[in-house]
Amino acid sequence: MALLKASHSEKSQAVSSDKRLRPSKYFFAFSVASALFVIAFKDFYPSRHSDRVLLLLQYVPILCSLLWFLHLHRLAAKRHPQDLSTTPRFPDINVPVLIGCFALLAIALSWFATRGLVNPDESGYSFQARIYASGRIMADPLFGATSDVRQTPAELFYGNHILRPFGWFPKFPPGWPAVLSLGYLISARWLPVPIFAVLQLGIIASIGTRWFSPEVGALAVLFAALSPFYLVNSVGMMSHALCALLAAAALLALCRALDTNDLRYYAAMFACLAFTFQVRPYTAFVLTFVMTAASVWFIRGRRKLLLQVLSIGAVFGALAIAGVLIYNHTYTGRWLMSPYAEAAGANTPPELSFNPVVILRAMARHGPFMLLETVLGTFPFLHILAVYAIVFEKRYRREVWILAVLYVALVFAYLFHPEGYAVFFGERFHFEAFFALALLAARGAQILVDRWQVPRSAFVFALLMLAALQIGQLASAVQVISRTGEPYRRIRTALEAENVGGLVFLHDSPGFVAKHFNLNDADWRHASRMFLVDADITRRAEWGCRFGFTKWVVASYDARSRLAVLDPGDSMCSIQPGP
């Protein structure tokens, strides 16, 4: 692997030639190869037990053989201390090349993924972005809209959308759809998410370099870029990449603020956090609480600076709250009524619960799967290395604890989100603090290598083996994204290829949920195609006549042939289109 280069002038070759080291090296490589075989097997012959087998392989033979391999090199190094005295233990990682390779993969995969659908929230975000790109704040209401969202006809109901007599719109905050609309304006809706993910990698490298060392920054980028969890949240049209970028930028500003006491950096931190409230409010609240608390704690002895920082925070806090209130009033007519609550016909967002019974029930039901997917979706042993950094860090205690509290606080906060577990190669609600975990793990790896005096050649070999494992995991993630989005991609492609116009009924099929795929234009009244959910086949004529169509097409997906099916239909209408 060209990104990891061991020095050819290294004098520690005598250590690696020790015959006792070879069995550990071969066993480690064999364990990784076994895991790669399981990954390939589960991709071609999916099994619900394959992930458990893979986790067992990762945390028994691979972890044990890795520790054995490093321990033997540690013992050998003690016998040849003169050979390692002038040799750096960390490899050279070419960060720009690594980020460039990730960018190529993420941009190409994002273009492909947006042809289909991986997460149903993408449908809402994309529709809202199309609304904003058209210069509106909401679309015209569909014929049949009701005053109570719970009575919306099934043919008109799309997940995460709100249809009222005064307008039609998704429930999400405006920050991300407004940014995504820029992608629509340049006909590149697939571009913003990977761009934000690439920028975040640069910020990760900067934070690691400023707080620890260039080696930690580079290793953290490697951990993130080779994690399927990071990749799947870096493609498509979800809001997590922008939110995570803002969180990382806020932490970088805090990093500079604590080092320089420059008020401009505190202002930059609060500005990023204020914008985050317009993207993912609950995540923003958690991030703001942690970073504000850290700022106050570390400057508590400087009263003037503390008052200035709190004043700046109060200004941006007021702006953030005003933005949320305006968003509420615009879309629900009430300052304190969130569209999340409106979408459920409730007074408070149903996604959050403080009932311990509900929380424990959700943890028992979803917790093991979430833990399994998160562990497998990240670079191997990130959580172990992060804990290692927390326990053994002596020099950078402040920095390590800020990172640790940031990640743990977000994980803990989403325990109160029991109905919203969204696990896909890891819990996506934790992604906004994943950069903190990667940095902690990179620092933990540095401490481990220094404490154990691991030779550079051994560390490079270990990284190469784990990187090979992750490349297999990345290939598996690409295949899962392709398989998940295929029904949606096939239907979209068939409609475009056949140049279908008029009314289209989207019919539920294996792997395809019609209400998750809103393809309507923001100005649906003047669009060439209109999409409704095919909820009741006996009412197709009624809805066709209501919208002024005598002919229609029913679009579905055939899982056996893996092709879209377009069935035409027609009726005679004697009524004018309208409510």
Protein backbone atom coordinates (compact mmCIF):
# COMPACT_ATOMS: atom_id res chain seq x y z
CA MET A 1 0.00 0.00 0.00
CA ALA A 2 1.70 3.18 -1.24
CA LEU A 3 0.27 5.32 1.55
CA LEU A 4 2.22 3.48 4.25
CA LYS A 5 5.96 3.54 3.71
CA ALA A 6 8.47 1.93 6.01
CA SER A 7 12.05 3.25 5.92
CA HIS A 8 14.45 1.05 3.91
CA SER A 9 17.33 2.18 6.05
CA GLU A 10 15.75 0.79 9.18
CA LYS A 11 18.22 -1.10 11.31
CA SER A 12 15.55 -3.14 13.00
CA GLN A 13 15.65 -5.86 10.33
CA ALA A 14 17.45 -8.03 12.84
CA VAL A 15 14.39 -7.85 15.04
CA SER A 16 11.97 -8.87 12.28
CA SER A 17 14.21 -11.73 11.26
CA ASP A 18 13.81 -13.38 14.64
CA LYS A 19 12.30 -16.80 13.85
CA ARG A 20 9.95 -16.58 16.81
CA LEU A 21 8.21 -13.62 15.19
CA ARG A 22 7.24 -15.44 12.00
CA PRO A 23 4.47 -17.66 13.43
CA SER A 24 2.72 -14.64 14.98
CA LYS A 25 2.99 -12.78 11.69
CA TYR A 26 1.56 -15.67 9.69
CA PHE A 27 -1.25 -16.31 12.17
CA PHE A 28 -2.21 -12.63 12.12
CA ALA A 29 -2.26 -12.59 8.32
CA PHE A 30 -4.23 -15.86 8.23
CA SER A 31 -6.83 -14.43 10.66
CA VAL A 32 -7.31 -11.38 8.46
CA ALA A 33 -7.60 -13.58 5.37
CA SER A 34 -10.28 -15.66 7.12
CA ALA A 35 -12.29 -12.53 7.84
CA LEU A 36 -11.96 -11.44 4.21
CA PHE A 37 -13.30 -14.83 3.15
CA VAL A 38 -16.34 -14.37 5.41
CA ILE A 39 -16.92 -10.89 3.94
CA ALA A 40 -16.82 -12.28 0.40
CA PHE A 41 -19.07 -15.19 1.39
CA LYS A 42 -21.74 -12.98 2.97
CA ASP A 43 -21.81 -10.73 -0.10
CA PHE A 44 -22.54 -13.63 -2.45
CA TYR A 45 -24.53 -15.78 0.00
CA PRO A 46 -26.14 -13.41 2.54
CA SER A 47 -26.77 -14.89 5.97
CA ARG A 48 -28.05 -13.29 9.14
CA HIS A 49 -25.25 -15.02 11.06
CA SER A 50 -22.35 -13.76 8.91
CA ASP A 51 -21.95 -10.48 10.80
CA ARG A 52 -21.77 -12.33 14.11
CA VAL A 53 -19.12 -14.66 12.68
CA LEU A 54 -17.19 -11.67 11.38
CA LEU A 55 -17.34 -9.94 14.76
CA LEU A 56 -16.14 -13.14 16.46
CA LEU A 57 -13.23 -13.38 14.04
CA GLN A 58 -12.32 -9.75 14.55
CA TYR A 59 -12.30 -9.85 18.35
CA VAL A 60 -10.83 -13.31 18.93
CA PRO A 61 -8.25 -14.53 16.40
CA ILE A 62 -7.48 -11.17 14.79
CA LEU A 63 -7.21 -9.18 18.01
CA CYS A 64 -5.34 -11.94 19.86
CA SER A 65 -2.91 -12.55 17.00
CA LEU A 66 -2.34 -8.79 16.63
CA LEU A 67 -1.52 -8.41 20.32
CA TRP A 68 0.72 -11.47 20.17
CA PHE A 69 2.48 -10.09 17.10
CA LEU A 70 3.06 -6.67 18.70
CA HIS A 71 4.09 -8.18 22.04
CA LEU A 72 6.78 -10.35 20.46
CA HIS A 73 8.13 -7.34 18.58
CA ARG A 74 8.11 -5.45 21.85
CA LEU A 75 10.21 -8.13 23.49
CA ALA A 76 12.54 -8.30 20.51
CA ALA A 77 12.94 -4.54 20.53
CA LYS A 78 14.08 -4.65 24.14
CA ARG A 79 16.88 -7.00 23.09
CA HIS A 80 18.01 -4.57 20.37
CA PRO A 81 17.38 -1.07 21.79
CA GLN A 82 20.27 0.41 19.82
CA ASP A 83 18.57 -0.54 16.54
CA LEU A 84 15.42 1.46 17.36
CA SER A 85 16.83 4.50 19.11
CA THR A 86 16.82 6.70 16.00
CA THR A 87 13.95 5.10 14.05
CA PRO A 88 10.50 6.79 14.04
CA ARG A 89 7.76 4.36 14.97
CA PHE A 90 4.96 5.88 12.91
CA PRO A 91 4.76 5.32 9.15
CA ASP A 92 4.48 8.12 6.64
CA ILE A 93 0.85 8.49 5.61
CA ASN A 94 0.29 10.68 2.58
CA VAL A 95 -2.84 12.49 3.74
CA PRO A 96 -3.60 14.40 0.49
CA VAL A 97 -3.38 11.19 -1.56
CA LEU A 98 -5.52 9.31 0.95
CA ILE A 99 -8.17 12.04 0.94
CA GLY A 100 -8.03 12.21 -2.85
CA CYS A 101 -8.64 8.46 -3.18
CA PHE A 102 -11.55 8.68 -0.77
CA ALA A 103 -12.99 11.62 -2.71
CA LEU A 104 -12.96 9.67 -5.96
CA LEU A 105 -14.72 6.71 -4.35
CA ALA A 106 -17.27 8.80 -2.44
CA ILE A 107 -18.20 11.06 -5.37
CA ALA A 108 -18.63 8.15 -7.78
CA LEU A 109 -20.64 6.13 -5.26
CA SER A 110 -22.78 9.14 -4.35
CA TRP A 111 -23.68 9.69 -8.01
CA PHE A 112 -24.71 6.05 -8.25
CA ALA A 113 -26.55 5.97 -4.90
CA THR A 114 -28.68 9.03 -5.62
CA ARG A 115 -30.14 7.25 -8.63
CA GLY A 116 -31.92 5.06 -6.10
CA LEU A 117 -32.62 5.37 -2.40
CA VAL A 118 -30.82 4.03 0.67
CA ASN A 119 -32.65 5.89 3.45
CA PRO A 120 -36.29 7.07 3.19
CA ASP A 121 -35.33 10.43 4.74
CA GLU A 122 -33.50 11.19 1.51
CA SER A 123 -36.83 11.44 -0.28
CA GLY A 124 -37.98 14.20 2.08
CA TYR A 125 -34.70 16.09 1.96
CA SER A 126 -34.58 15.97 -1.84
CA PHE A 127 -38.20 17.11 -2.21
CA GLN A 128 -37.63 20.03 0.14
CA ALA A 129 -34.45 20.91 -1.79
CA ARG A 130 -36.44 20.91 -5.04
CA ILE A 131 -38.99 23.21 -3.40
CA TYR A 132 -36.29 25.67 -2.35
CA ALA A 133 -34.59 25.47 -5.75
CA SER A 134 -37.91 26.51 -7.32
CA GLY A 135 -38.00 29.64 -5.14
CA ARG A 136 -40.78 28.42 -2.82
CA ILE A 137 -40.90 27.52 0.86
CA MET A 138 -43.54 24.82 0.33
CA ALA A 139 -45.32 23.16 -2.57
CA ASP A 140 -48.98 23.68 -3.40
CA PRO A 141 -51.26 21.26 -1.52
CA LEU A 142 -52.42 18.18 -3.40
CA PHE A 143 -56.09 17.68 -4.12
CA GLY A 144 -57.46 15.79 -1.11
CA ALA A 145 -55.34 17.50 1.56
CA THR A 146 -56.87 17.41 5.05
CA SER A 147 -56.59 19.67 8.08
CA ASP A 148 -55.45 16.69 10.17
CA VAL A 149 -52.30 15.03 8.85
CA ARG A 150 -53.43 11.74 10.38
CA GLN A 151 -56.34 11.69 7.92
CA THR A 152 -54.20 12.20 4.82
CA PRO A 153 -55.35 9.73 2.14
CA ALA A 154 -52.87 6.89 1.67
CA GLU A 155 -52.46 7.78 -2.02
CA LEU A 156 -51.13 11.20 -1.00
CA PHE A 157 -49.04 10.17 1.99
CA TYR A 158 -45.26 10.14 1.68
CA GLY A 159 -43.11 9.32 4.69
CA ASN A 160 -41.79 12.36 6.61
CA HIS A 161 -44.03 14.68 4.55
CA ILE A 162 -46.80 16.97 5.81
CA LEU A 163 -49.80 17.67 3.57
CA ARG A 164 -52.14 20.41 4.77
CA PRO A 165 -54.67 22.59 2.92
CA PHE A 166 -52.17 25.49 2.95
CA GLY A 167 -49.16 23.56 1.60
CA TRP A 168 -47.11 20.40 1.12
CA PHE A 169 -43.62 20.02 2.61
CA PRO A 170 -41.32 17.58 4.49
CA LYS A 171 -40.87 17.92 8.25
CA PHE A 172 -37.11 18.54 8.25
CA PRO A 173 -35.31 21.77 9.28
CA PRO A 174 -34.42 24.05 6.37
CA GLY A 175 -30.64 24.15 6.73
CA TRP A 176 -29.68 21.01 4.86
CA PRO A 177 -32.40 21.18 2.14
CA ALA A 178 -31.32 24.78 1.44
CA VAL A 179 -27.72 23.65 0.94
CA LEU A 180 -28.80 20.60 -1.07
CA SER A 181 -30.88 22.86 -3.34
CA LEU A 182 -27.60 24.33 -4.60
CA GLY A 183 -26.74 20.87 -5.88
CA TYR A 184 -30.07 20.74 -7.70
CA LEU A 185 -29.44 24.14 -9.25
CA ILE A 186 -26.25 22.81 -10.88
CA SER A 187 -27.83 19.39 -11.64
CA ALA A 188 -25.49 17.66 -9.18
CA ARG A 189 -27.58 16.62 -6.19
CA TRP A 190 -25.06 13.85 -5.57
CA LEU A 191 -22.12 16.22 -5.01
CA PRO A 192 -22.61 18.15 -1.70
CA VAL A 193 -22.49 15.17 0.69
CA PRO A 194 -19.15 13.70 -0.50
CA ILE A 195 -17.64 17.19 -0.69
CA PHE A 196 -18.55 17.82 2.95
CA ALA A 197 -17.13 14.42 3.92
CA VAL A 198 -13.85 15.21 2.18
CA LEU A 199 -13.65 18.59 3.89
CA GLN A 200 -14.25 16.88 7.23
CA LEU A 201 -11.25 14.61 6.64
CA GLY A 202 -9.11 17.72 6.21
CA ILE A 203 -10.43 19.14 9.48
CA ILE A 204 -9.76 15.84 11.25
CA ALA A 205 -6.14 16.02 10.11
CA SER A 206 -5.91 19.63 11.29
CA ILE A 207 -7.36 18.93 14.74
CA GLY A 208 -5.10 15.92 15.23
CA THR A 209 -2.04 17.91 14.17
CA ARG A 210 -2.79 20.92 16.37
CA TRP A 211 -3.83 19.00 19.48
CA PHE A 212 -1.47 16.02 19.30
CA SER A 213 0.90 15.54 16.37
CA PRO A 214 0.86 15.27 12.56
CA GLU A 215 1.05 11.48 12.94
CA VAL A 216 -2.15 11.40 14.98
CA GLY A 217 -3.94 13.60 12.47
CA ALA A 218 -2.86 11.40 9.57
CA LEU A 219 -3.76 8.17 11.35
CA ALA A 220 -7.20 9.54 12.30
CA VAL A 221 -7.85 10.31 8.62
CA LEU A 222 -6.83 6.75 7.75
CA PHE A 223 -9.19 5.34 10.39
CA ALA A 224 -12.09 7.43 9.08
CA ALA A 225 -11.48 6.98 5.35
CA LEU A 226 -11.26 3.19 5.64
CA SER A 227 -14.41 2.87 7.77
CA PRO A 228 -17.58 1.73 5.93
CA PHE A 229 -19.52 3.75 8.52
CA TYR A 230 -17.83 6.92 7.29
CA LEU A 231 -18.32 6.00 3.63
CA VAL A 232 -22.05 5.23 3.79
CA ASN A 233 -22.67 8.57 5.54
CA SER A 234 -20.58 10.35 2.90
CA VAL A 235 -22.80 9.49 -0.07
CA GLY A 236 -26.41 10.20 -1.02
CA MET A 237 -28.53 13.08 0.25
CA MET A 238 -28.66 12.74 4.04
CA SER A 239 -27.86 15.62 6.40
CA HIS A 240 -25.23 13.88 8.53
CA ALA A 241 -22.20 14.88 6.47
CA LEU A 242 -23.00 18.60 6.74
CA CYS A 243 -23.80 18.32 10.45
CA ALA A 244 -20.58 16.42 11.13
CA LEU A 245 -18.57 18.96 9.14
CA LEU A 246 -20.03 21.81 11.19
CA ALA A 247 -19.32 19.90 14.42
CA ALA A 248 -15.71 19.23 13.41
CA ALA A 249 -15.25 22.86 12.31
CA ALA A 250 -16.65 24.05 15.65
CA LEU A 251 -14.19 21.82 17.51
CA LEU A 252 -11.30 23.07 15.38
CA ALA A 253 -12.31 26.63 16.26
CA LEU A 254 -12.46 25.64 19.94
CA CYS A 255 -9.03 24.08 19.59
CA ARG A 256 -7.61 27.38 18.31
CA ALA A 257 -9.60 29.41 20.85
CA LEU A 258 -8.23 27.50 23.83
CA ASP A 259 -4.69 27.86 22.51
CA THR A 260 -4.87 31.57 21.64
CA ASN A 261 -7.78 33.01 23.69
CA ASP A 262 -8.75 34.84 20.49
CA LEU A 263 -12.44 35.81 20.56
CA ARG A 264 -12.71 35.35 16.80
CA TYR A 265 -12.29 31.61 17.20
CA TYR A 266 -14.97 31.47 19.88
CA ALA A 267 -17.25 33.38 17.53
CA ALA A 268 -16.47 30.90 14.74
CA MET A 269 -17.29 27.99 17.03
CA PHE A 270 -20.66 29.44 18.05
CA ALA A 271 -21.45 30.35 14.44
CA CYS A 272 -20.93 26.74 13.35
CA LEU A 273 -23.05 25.48 16.22
CA ALA A 274 -25.82 27.99 15.47
CA PHE A 275 -25.98 26.77 11.87
CA THR A 276 -26.06 23.19 13.11
CA PHE A 277 -29.36 24.00 14.85
CA GLN A 278 -30.86 24.58 11.42
CA VAL A 279 -29.63 21.18 10.22
CA ARG A 280 -30.10 18.74 13.12
CA PRO A 281 -31.42 20.59 16.20
CA TYR A 282 -31.13 17.76 18.74
CA THR A 283 -27.56 16.96 17.77
CA ALA A 284 -26.78 20.68 17.80
CA PHE A 285 -28.09 21.00 21.36
CA VAL A 286 -25.80 18.21 22.57
CA LEU A 287 -22.73 19.55 20.73
CA THR A 288 -23.37 23.10 21.93
CA PHE A 289 -23.75 22.00 25.54
CA VAL A 290 -20.46 20.07 25.50
CA MET A 291 -18.36 22.69 23.69
CA THR A 292 -19.79 25.59 25.67
CA ALA A 293 -19.19 23.73 28.93
CA ALA A 294 -15.60 22.99 27.85
CA SER A 295 -15.02 26.65 26.97
CA VAL A 296 -16.40 27.86 30.29
CA TRP A 297 -14.47 25.31 32.32
CA PHE A 298 -11.06 26.00 30.79
CA ILE A 299 -11.33 29.81 30.97
CA ARG A 300 -13.20 29.97 34.29
CA GLY A 301 -10.29 31.75 35.97
CA ARG A 302 -10.31 34.65 33.48
CA ARG A 303 -13.48 36.59 34.29
CA LYS A 304 -13.30 39.18 31.50
CA LEU A 305 -12.68 36.59 28.80
CA LEU A 306 -15.40 34.37 30.24
CA LEU A 307 -17.97 37.18 30.08
CA GLN A 308 -16.97 38.01 26.51
CA VAL A 309 -17.28 34.39 25.42
CA LEU A 310 -20.66 34.00 27.12
CA SER A 311 -21.87 37.20 25.44
CA ILE A 312 -20.83 35.93 22.02
CA GLY A 313 -22.50 32.60 22.77
CA ALA A 314 -25.69 34.37 23.83
CA VAL A 315 -25.87 36.29 20.54
CA PHE A 316 -25.44 33.20 18.39
CA GLY A 317 -27.72 31.23 20.70
CA ALA A 318 -30.45 33.82 20.19
CA LEU A 319 -29.97 33.61 16.42
CA ALA A 320 -30.17 29.81 16.52
CA ILE A 321 -33.32 29.81 18.64
CA ALA A 322 -34.90 32.49 16.44
CA GLY A 323 -34.20 30.37 13.39
CA VAL A 324 -35.88 27.33 14.94
CA LEU A 325 -38.91 29.37 16.06
CA ILE A 326 -39.33 30.95 12.63
CA TYR A 327 -39.08 27.51 11.04
CA ASN A 328 -41.75 26.22 13.42
CA HIS A 329 -44.12 29.13 12.80
CA THR A 330 -43.65 29.06 9.02
CA TYR A 331 -44.58 25.41 8.65
CA THR A 332 -46.99 24.79 11.54
CA GLY A 333 -48.38 28.25 12.32
CA ARG A 334 -47.21 27.94 15.93
CA TRP A 335 -43.91 29.15 17.34
CA LEU A 336 -43.44 26.19 19.68
CA MET A 337 -44.90 23.46 17.47
CA SER A 338 -42.20 21.52 15.61
CA PRO A 339 -42.99 20.06 12.18
CA TYR A 340 -41.74 16.76 13.62
CA ALA A 341 -44.69 16.87 16.02
CA GLU A 342 -47.04 18.12 13.30
CA ALA A 343 -46.12 15.19 11.06
CA ALA A 344 -47.25 12.79 13.78
CA GLY A 345 -50.34 14.77 14.73
CA ALA A 346 -48.92 15.33 18.21
CA ASN A 347 -47.88 18.27 20.39
CA THR A 348 -44.30 17.11 20.91
CA PRO A 349 -41.86 15.25 18.64
CA PRO A 350 -42.58 11.53 19.07
CA GLU A 351 -38.98 10.60 18.27
CA LEU A 352 -37.85 11.55 21.79
CA SER A 353 -38.92 9.83 24.99
CA PHE A 354 -37.87 10.19 28.62
CA ASN A 355 -39.86 7.15 29.71
CA PRO A 356 -37.28 4.68 31.10
CA VAL A 357 -39.47 1.71 30.19
CA VAL A 358 -39.62 2.81 26.56
CA ILE A 359 -35.89 3.51 26.48
CA LEU A 360 -34.94 0.15 28.03
CA ARG A 361 -37.31 -1.71 25.71
CA ALA A 362 -35.76 -0.03 22.69
CA MET A 363 -32.24 -0.73 23.95
CA ALA A 364 -33.06 -4.40 24.47
CA ARG A 365 -34.59 -4.63 21.01
CA HIS A 366 -32.16 -2.57 18.96
CA GLY A 367 -29.09 -2.21 21.18
CA PRO A 368 -27.28 -5.47 20.33
CA PHE A 369 -27.76 -4.95 16.58
CA MET A 370 -26.64 -1.32 16.87
CA LEU A 371 -23.51 -2.35 18.77
CA LEU A 372 -22.73 -5.10 16.27
CA GLU A 373 -23.10 -2.85 13.23
CA THR A 374 -21.17 0.04 14.81
CA VAL A 375 -18.22 -2.15 15.74
CA LEU A 376 -18.08 -3.78 12.30
CA GLY A 377 -18.69 -0.51 10.47
CA THR A 378 -15.68 1.29 11.95
CA PHE A 379 -11.97 0.63 11.59
CA PRO A 380 -11.08 -2.37 13.79
CA PHE A 381 -10.69 -1.72 17.51
CA LEU A 382 -11.37 2.03 17.41
CA HIS A 383 -13.34 1.91 20.65
CA ILE A 384 -10.62 -0.10 22.40
CA LEU A 385 -7.93 2.34 21.28
CA ALA A 386 -10.09 5.29 22.35
CA VAL A 387 -10.45 3.85 25.85
CA TYR A 388 -6.70 3.18 25.88
CA ALA A 389 -6.08 6.88 25.16
CA ILE A 390 -8.40 7.96 27.97
CA VAL A 391 -6.73 5.66 30.50
CA PHE A 392 -3.06 6.19 29.62
CA GLU A 393 -2.94 9.77 28.32
CA LYS A 394 -0.64 11.92 30.46
CA ARG A 395 0.32 14.88 28.31
CA TYR A 396 -2.89 15.90 26.54
CA ARG A 397 -5.52 15.19 29.17
CA ARG A 398 -7.63 18.24 28.30
CA GLU A 399 -7.83 17.41 24.62
CA VAL A 400 -8.57 13.73 25.18
CA TRP A 401 -11.35 14.43 27.63
CA ILE A 402 -13.03 16.97 25.34
CA LEU A 403 -13.07 14.40 22.53
CA ALA A 404 -14.27 11.63 24.81
CA VAL A 405 -17.09 13.67 26.36
CA LEU A 406 -18.19 14.88 22.92
CA TYR A 407 -18.59 11.36 21.56
CA VAL A 408 -20.05 9.79 24.71
CA ALA A 409 -22.52 12.66 25.19
CA LEU A 410 -23.95 12.21 21.70
CA VAL A 411 -24.22 8.44 22.10
CA PHE A 412 -25.93 8.86 25.47
CA ALA A 413 -28.27 11.59 24.19
CA TYR A 414 -29.63 9.36 21.45
CA LEU A 415 -30.68 6.78 24.01
CA PHE A 416 -33.63 9.16 24.43
CA HIS A 417 -34.41 8.66 20.74
CA PRO A 418 -35.77 5.11 21.12
CA GLU A 419 -38.09 5.10 18.11
CA GLY A 420 -35.46 6.39 15.75
CA TYR A 421 -32.68 3.82 15.68
CA ALA A 422 -31.21 3.96 12.19
CA VAL A 423 -28.42 1.42 11.93
CA PHE A 424 -26.58 1.04 8.63
CA PHE A 425 -22.95 -0.03 9.11
CA GLY A 426 -23.27 1.84 12.41
CA GLU A 427 -25.74 4.11 14.17
CA ARG A 428 -26.03 7.13 11.87
CA PHE A 429 -27.14 9.41 14.73
CA HIS A 430 -23.64 9.04 16.20
CA PHE A 431 -21.91 10.06 12.99
CA GLU A 432 -21.71 13.75 13.90
CA ALA A 433 -19.15 12.86 16.62
CA PHE A 434 -17.39 10.04 14.79
CA PHE A 435 -14.45 12.34 14.08
CA ALA A 436 -13.87 12.55 17.85
CA LEU A 437 -13.73 8.75 18.10
CA ALA A 438 -11.26 8.54 15.19
CA LEU A 439 -8.99 11.14 16.81
CA LEU A 440 -9.14 9.42 20.20
CA ALA A 441 -8.30 6.06 18.61
CA ALA A 442 -5.39 7.56 16.68
CA ARG A 443 -3.99 9.05 19.86
CA GLY A 444 -4.52 5.73 21.61
CA ALA A 445 -2.57 3.95 18.88
CA GLN A 446 0.27 6.43 19.26
CA ILE A 447 0.40 5.91 23.01
CA LEU A 448 0.33 2.12 22.57
CA VAL A 449 3.16 2.15 20.05
CA ASP A 450 5.28 4.42 22.26
CA ARG A 451 4.59 2.49 25.47
CA TRP A 452 5.28 -0.87 23.86
CA GLN A 453 8.17 0.45 21.74
CA VAL A 454 6.71 -1.25 18.68
CA PRO A 455 9.14 -1.13 15.74
CA ARG A 456 8.01 0.81 12.72
CA SER A 457 8.07 -2.25 10.46
CA ALA A 458 5.71 -4.12 12.80
CA PHE A 459 3.32 -1.18 13.03
CA VAL A 460 3.28 -0.78 9.25
CA PHE A 461 2.55 -4.48 8.77
CA ALA A 462 -0.30 -4.35 11.29
CA LEU A 463 -1.83 -1.31 9.56
CA LEU A 464 -1.49 -2.95 6.16
CA MET A 465 -3.30 -6.08 7.33
CA LEU A 466 -6.11 -4.11 8.97
CA ALA A 467 -6.33 -1.82 5.93
CA ALA A 468 -6.74 -4.89 3.70
CA LEU A 469 -9.57 -6.03 5.96
CA GLN A 470 -11.19 -2.62 5.67
CA ILE A 471 -10.90 -2.56 1.90
CA GLY A 472 -12.93 -5.76 1.91
CA GLN A 473 -15.45 -4.10 4.23
CA LEU A 474 -15.65 -1.07 1.94
CA ALA A 475 -16.32 -3.32 -1.05
CA SER A 476 -19.08 -4.99 0.95
CA ALA A 477 -20.57 -1.59 1.84
CA VAL A 478 -20.63 -0.60 -1.83
CA GLN A 479 -22.46 -3.80 -2.70
CA VAL A 480 -25.00 -3.29 0.10
CA ILE A 481 -25.68 0.27 -1.04
CA SER A 482 -26.18 -0.98 -4.60
CA ARG A 483 -28.49 -3.81 -3.52
CA THR A 484 -30.55 -1.61 -1.19
CA GLY A 485 -31.13 1.11 -3.75
CA GLU A 486 -31.65 -1.17 -6.75
CA PRO A 487 -35.50 -1.29 -6.77
CA TYR A 488 -35.72 2.51 -6.60
CA ARG A 489 -32.97 2.92 -9.16
CA ARG A 490 -34.63 0.49 -11.58
CA ILE A 491 -38.00 2.23 -11.35
CA ARG A 492 -36.52 5.69 -11.86
CA THR A 493 -34.47 4.48 -14.83
CA ALA A 494 -37.45 2.73 -16.45
CA LEU A 495 -39.65 5.82 -16.13
CA GLU A 496 -36.97 7.97 -17.72
CA ALA A 497 -36.16 5.46 -20.47
CA GLU A 498 -39.81 5.06 -21.45
CA ASN A 499 -40.35 8.82 -21.13
CA VAL A 500 -43.48 8.14 -19.10
CA GLY A 501 -45.75 11.15 -18.65
CA GLY A 502 -49.05 11.77 -16.91
CA LEU A 503 -50.03 10.02 -13.71
CA VAL A 504 -47.80 7.35 -12.19
CA PHE A 505 -48.94 5.11 -9.32
CA LEU A 506 -46.00 3.76 -7.30
CA HIS A 507 -46.82 0.25 -6.11
CA ASP A 508 -45.21 -1.43 -3.08
CA SER A 509 -42.99 -4.35 -4.09
CA PRO A 510 -40.30 -6.48 -2.42
CA GLY A 511 -37.54 -4.03 -1.50
CA PHE A 512 -39.57 -1.04 -2.70
CA VAL A 513 -41.74 1.12 -0.43
CA ALA A 514 -43.76 3.59 -2.48
CA LYS A 515 -44.28 6.17 0.26
CA HIS A 516 -40.50 6.48 0.63
CA PHE A 517 -39.97 7.65 -2.94
CA ASN A 518 -41.47 11.06 -3.69
CA LEU A 519 -40.41 11.96 -7.24
CA ASN A 520 -42.85 14.83 -7.67
CA ASP A 521 -41.73 18.25 -8.86
CA ALA A 522 -42.17 21.18 -6.50
CA ASP A 523 -44.51 22.74 -9.07
CA TRP A 524 -46.50 19.55 -9.60
CA ARG A 525 -49.40 21.39 -11.21
CA HIS A 526 -47.32 22.13 -14.31
CA ALA A 527 -45.12 19.04 -14.27
CA SER A 528 -45.18 16.44 -17.04
CA ARG A 529 -45.59 13.65 -14.48
CA MET A 530 -47.49 13.25 -11.24
CA PHE A 531 -46.67 10.52 -8.69
CA LEU A 532 -49.13 9.01 -6.22
CA VAL A 533 -48.91 5.99 -3.92
CA ASP A 534 -50.82 2.97 -5.27
CA ALA A 535 -52.61 2.29 -1.98
CA ASP A 536 -55.90 0.89 -3.34
CA ILE A 537 -56.19 -0.49 -6.87
CA THR A 538 -59.97 0.07 -6.87
CA ARG A 539 -59.46 3.83 -6.45
CA ARG A 540 -57.01 4.43 -9.28
CA ALA A 541 -59.72 5.79 -11.59
CA GLU A 542 -61.05 8.06 -8.85
CA TRP A 543 -57.65 9.60 -8.18
CA GLY A 544 -56.84 9.78 -11.86
CA CYS A 545 -60.02 11.74 -12.52
CA ARG A 546 -59.42 13.96 -9.49
CA PHE A 547 -56.07 15.05 -10.90
CA GLY A 548 -57.39 15.25 -14.47
CA PHE A 549 -55.80 12.11 -15.96
CA THR A 550 -57.69 9.52 -17.96
CA LYS A 551 -54.60 7.32 -18.32
CA TRP A 552 -51.98 6.25 -15.87
CA VAL A 553 -49.05 3.88 -15.32
CA VAL A 554 -48.51 1.61 -12.33
CA ALA A 555 -44.77 1.31 -11.56
CA SER A 556 -43.52 -1.63 -9.47
CA TYR A 557 -40.43 -3.79 -9.04
CA ASP A 558 -40.09 -7.48 -9.87
CA ALA A 559 -37.56 -8.96 -7.45
CA ARG A 560 -37.14 -12.15 -9.49
CA SER A 561 -36.16 -10.49 -12.74
CA ARG A 562 -34.69 -7.46 -10.91
CA LEU A 563 -36.50 -5.19 -13.34
CA ALA A 564 -39.07 -2.42 -13.09
CA VAL A 565 -42.58 -3.20 -14.31
CA LEU A 566 -44.75 -0.50 -15.92
CA ASP A 567 -48.43 -1.40 -16.33
CA PRO A 568 -50.69 1.11 -18.13
CA GLY A 569 -54.31 1.77 -17.20
CA ASP A 570 -57.11 4.17 -18.16
CA SER A 571 -60.67 5.24 -17.35
CA MET A 572 -63.33 7.64 -18.56
CA CYS A 573 -63.62 10.78 -16.43
CA SER A 574 -66.71 12.94 -16.30
CA ILE A 575 -65.46 15.33 -13.59
CA GLN A 576 -63.05 18.24 -13.66
CA PRO A 577 -59.76 17.97 -11.77
CA GLY A 578 -59.79 19.42 -8.29
CA PRO A 579 -60.66 18.60 -4.70
